[in-house]
Structure formats: structure tokens, C-alpha cells
């Protein structure tokens, strides 16, 4: 498995983000029709890195992106296809994003996840991410959890 840097609009990246949106929609369906702020959408102009994990057989199985958020870089749209979870894909995606962030001169990366994603929380904490105060715009969303990690 390899993580390749691709364009935000790469077809495999788009398909993986669509799969993530579908899964998260199902996972948080009972929250009702929450009106997400505009800051929740990811402007392609703000994205400085997009990585897609690809198996040895050429199958795209994971996605991660970095966007500028003030002085930090923010991990966005971290996703591993369900049938490939537990095989190190998420760790490889995080390592690729952290490496890209360091190359881009970021001092740290931040991220937001939800309390209904305990698998993600375990991954982030295992990989050295520490909890921080919920930052805007996620302070408007119930169940938000935010983390950071220094990168070098």
C-alpha cells in the first residue's frame, strides 16, 4: 500500500470523499437537519495536500487532505474504506499528511472528529494527537472533538 499525492479533484479522491459523506450521514442521521456553516465545506483553493492510499493492486482505499487554517494546517476528510480498516491504511494516511505538513512548514496540524467515531479517536490518540478546545467553526456542532499534533 502506498499513499500518493493527488489533486483535490482526482476521481479516486472524489469517490472516497463521497463514500465518507454517505457513511457520516448515516452515522449522525439522528442529529436531524443540522445547518452546517459555510466553513464546513472545503474550498479547493484552501487545500494544500490531498493523499490517496492505493493498494498494491491499484485500488484506492483511503483519503486525507490538508487545508490552511490560520497558522495551522487542518486534516480534512480522513477516510478509509470499511473493508480496508484495521490494516494500517489510516496510520499511513496520517504519516503522509504529517510529512506533507512538515514540508509545508506547519508547526502543527489540527483536526476535528465526532464522538460517534471512537475508532478515529483511538487512532488519533494512539498516534500522539492531544485534545484541544473545540475551535471554530466546530464549536457550533454538537459532539465535536478536536485534536492537535506538533510536526517537524
Protein backbone atom coordinates (compact mmCIF):
# COMPACT_ATOMS: atom_id res chain seq x y z
CA UNK A 1 0.00 0.00 0.00
CA UNK A 2 1.23 3.45 -0.93
CA UNK A 3 -0.09 6.97 -0.29
CA UNK A 4 0.08 9.09 -3.41
CA UNK A 5 -0.27 12.86 -3.60
CA UNK A 6 -3.12 13.71 -5.98
CA UNK A 7 -5.18 16.72 -6.99
CA UNK A 8 -8.24 17.53 -4.87
CA UNK A 9 -10.47 16.75 -7.87
CA UNK A 10 -8.78 13.42 -8.64
CA UNK A 11 -11.62 10.94 -9.43
CA UNK A 12 -10.49 8.43 -6.77
CA UNK A 13 -10.27 11.20 -4.16
CA UNK A 14 -13.76 12.42 -5.08
CA UNK A 15 -15.21 8.88 -4.83
CA UNK A 16 -13.62 8.33 -1.41
CA UNK A 17 -14.95 11.66 -0.08
CA UNK A 18 -18.41 10.75 -1.37
CA UNK A 19 -18.23 7.40 0.45
CA UNK A 20 -17.18 9.21 3.62
CA UNK A 21 -20.06 11.68 3.36
CA UNK A 22 -22.52 8.81 2.95
CA UNK A 23 -21.12 6.94 5.97
CA UNK A 24 -21.06 10.03 8.19
CA UNK A 25 -24.59 10.93 7.10
CA UNK A 26 -25.77 7.52 8.26
CA UNK A 27 -23.74 7.60 11.48
CA UNK A 28 -25.11 11.00 12.52
CA UNK A 29 -28.56 10.72 10.88
CA UNK A 30 -30.49 11.17 14.12
CA UNK A 31 -28.98 14.61 14.70
CA UNK A 32 -31.59 15.98 12.32
CA UNK A 33 -31.11 18.52 9.61
CA UNK A 34 -28.23 20.42 11.15
CA UNK A 35 -27.45 23.54 9.12
CA UNK A 36 -23.68 23.35 8.74
CA UNK A 37 -21.85 26.66 8.47
CA UNK A 38 -20.17 27.53 5.19
CA UNK A 39 -16.77 26.94 6.85
CA UNK A 40 -17.55 23.22 6.84
CA UNK A 41 -17.21 22.94 3.11
CA UNK A 42 -13.66 22.56 1.93
CA UNK A 43 -12.71 25.13 -0.65
CA UNK A 44 -10.35 23.52 -3.16
CA UNK A 45 -8.26 26.71 -3.04
CA UNK A 46 -7.55 26.12 0.66
CA UNK A 47 -6.31 22.54 0.15
CA UNK A 48 -2.52 22.24 0.13
CA UNK A 49 -2.27 18.44 0.08
CA UNK A 50 -4.51 15.52 -0.89
CA UNK A 51 -3.35 11.95 -0.39
CA UNK A 52 -4.96 8.73 -1.59
CA UNK A 53 -3.93 5.34 -0.24
CA UNK A 54 -3.64 2.79 -3.02
CA UNK A 55 -3.21 -0.96 -2.59
CA UNK A 56 -0.51 -2.95 -4.37
CA UNK A 57 -3.28 -3.97 -6.77
CA UNK A 58 -4.03 -0.34 -7.63
CA UNK A 59 -7.25 0.04 -5.63
CA UNK A 60 -7.80 3.43 -3.94
CA UNK A 61 -8.81 2.68 -0.32
CA UNK A 62 -8.20 5.82 1.74
CA UNK A 63 -8.16 9.62 1.61
CA UNK A 64 -6.73 12.52 3.59
CA UNK A 65 -6.34 16.22 2.87
CA UNK A 66 -4.73 19.25 4.48
CA UNK A 67 -6.09 22.75 4.30
CA UNK A 68 -4.82 26.02 5.66
CA UNK A 69 -6.50 27.16 8.86
CA UNK A 70 -4.76 30.28 10.12
CA UNK A 71 -1.19 29.38 11.11
CA UNK A 72 -2.08 25.67 11.25
CA UNK A 73 -2.84 23.01 8.71
CA UNK A 74 -6.04 21.09 9.29
CA UNK A 75 -6.56 17.43 8.46
CA UNK A 76 -9.76 17.06 6.48
CA UNK A 77 -11.75 14.18 5.04
CA UNK A 78 -9.70 11.41 6.60
CA UNK A 79 -11.37 8.19 5.45
CA UNK A 80 -10.57 4.51 4.93
CA UNK A 81 -12.94 2.24 3.02
CA UNK A 82 -14.61 -0.06 5.58
CA UNK A 83 -13.29 -3.28 4.05
CA UNK A 84 -9.69 -2.00 4.40
CA UNK A 85 -9.84 -0.81 8.01
CA UNK A 86 -7.51 -2.39 10.55
CA UNK A 87 -4.71 -2.85 8.01
CA UNK A 88 -2.61 0.24 8.72
CA UNK A 89 -4.14 2.42 6.00
CA UNK A 90 -5.22 5.18 8.40
CA UNK A 91 -1.78 5.28 10.01
CA UNK A 92 -0.14 5.58 6.60
CA UNK A 93 -2.52 8.39 5.64
CA UNK A 94 -1.74 10.28 8.86
CA UNK A 95 2.00 9.84 8.36
CA UNK A 96 1.72 11.13 4.79
CA UNK A 97 -0.32 14.15 5.89
CA UNK A 98 2.05 14.93 8.75
CA UNK A 99 5.04 14.66 6.41
CA UNK A 100 3.39 16.99 3.93
CA UNK A 101 2.55 19.44 6.73
CA UNK A 102 6.16 19.46 7.92
CA UNK A 103 7.43 20.03 4.36
CA UNK A 104 4.97 22.93 4.06
CA UNK A 105 6.40 24.50 7.21
CA UNK A 106 3.48 23.92 9.56
CA UNK A 107 4.27 23.82 13.26
CA UNK A 108 1.27 21.67 13.99
CA UNK A 109 -1.74 20.02 12.47
CA UNK A 110 -5.23 20.18 13.94
CA UNK A 111 -8.33 18.15 13.28
CA UNK A 112 -11.96 17.73 14.26
CA UNK A 113 -13.86 14.49 14.61
CA UNK A 114 -17.09 13.44 16.25
CA UNK A 115 -17.86 11.49 19.38
CA UNK A 116 -19.54 8.79 17.27
CA UNK A 117 -16.21 7.90 15.71
CA UNK A 118 -14.44 6.10 18.57
CA UNK A 119 -12.21 4.28 16.10
CA UNK A 120 -10.91 7.63 14.83
CA UNK A 121 -10.44 8.95 18.36
CA UNK A 122 -8.40 5.86 19.31
CA UNK A 123 -6.25 6.25 16.19
CA UNK A 124 -5.53 9.92 16.78
CA UNK A 125 -4.69 9.43 20.45
CA UNK A 126 -2.50 6.40 19.69
CA UNK A 127 -0.63 8.45 17.08
CA UNK A 128 0.18 11.26 19.52
CA UNK A 129 -2.66 13.71 18.96
CA UNK A 130 -3.75 15.59 22.07
CA UNK A 131 -7.17 17.04 22.77
CA UNK A 132 -7.60 20.80 22.37
CA UNK A 133 -10.53 23.17 22.80
CA UNK A 134 -13.12 22.88 20.07
CA UNK A 135 -12.20 25.58 17.56
CA UNK A 136 -14.42 27.50 15.11
CA UNK A 137 -16.48 26.60 13.23
CA UNK A 138 -16.82 23.25 15.03
CA UNK A 139 -17.94 24.93 18.27
CA UNK A 140 -21.34 25.18 16.52
CA UNK A 141 -21.58 21.42 16.11
CA UNK A 142 -22.64 19.19 18.98
CA UNK A 143 -20.40 16.19 19.61
CA UNK A 144 -17.24 17.80 18.17
CA UNK A 145 -13.84 16.69 19.43
CA UNK A 146 -10.67 18.50 18.36
CA UNK A 147 -7.03 17.42 18.45
CA UNK A 148 -3.58 18.68 17.55
CA UNK A 149 -0.10 17.33 16.96
CA UNK A 150 3.19 19.15 16.51
CA UNK A 151 5.01 18.23 13.30
CA UNK A 152 8.65 18.74 12.43
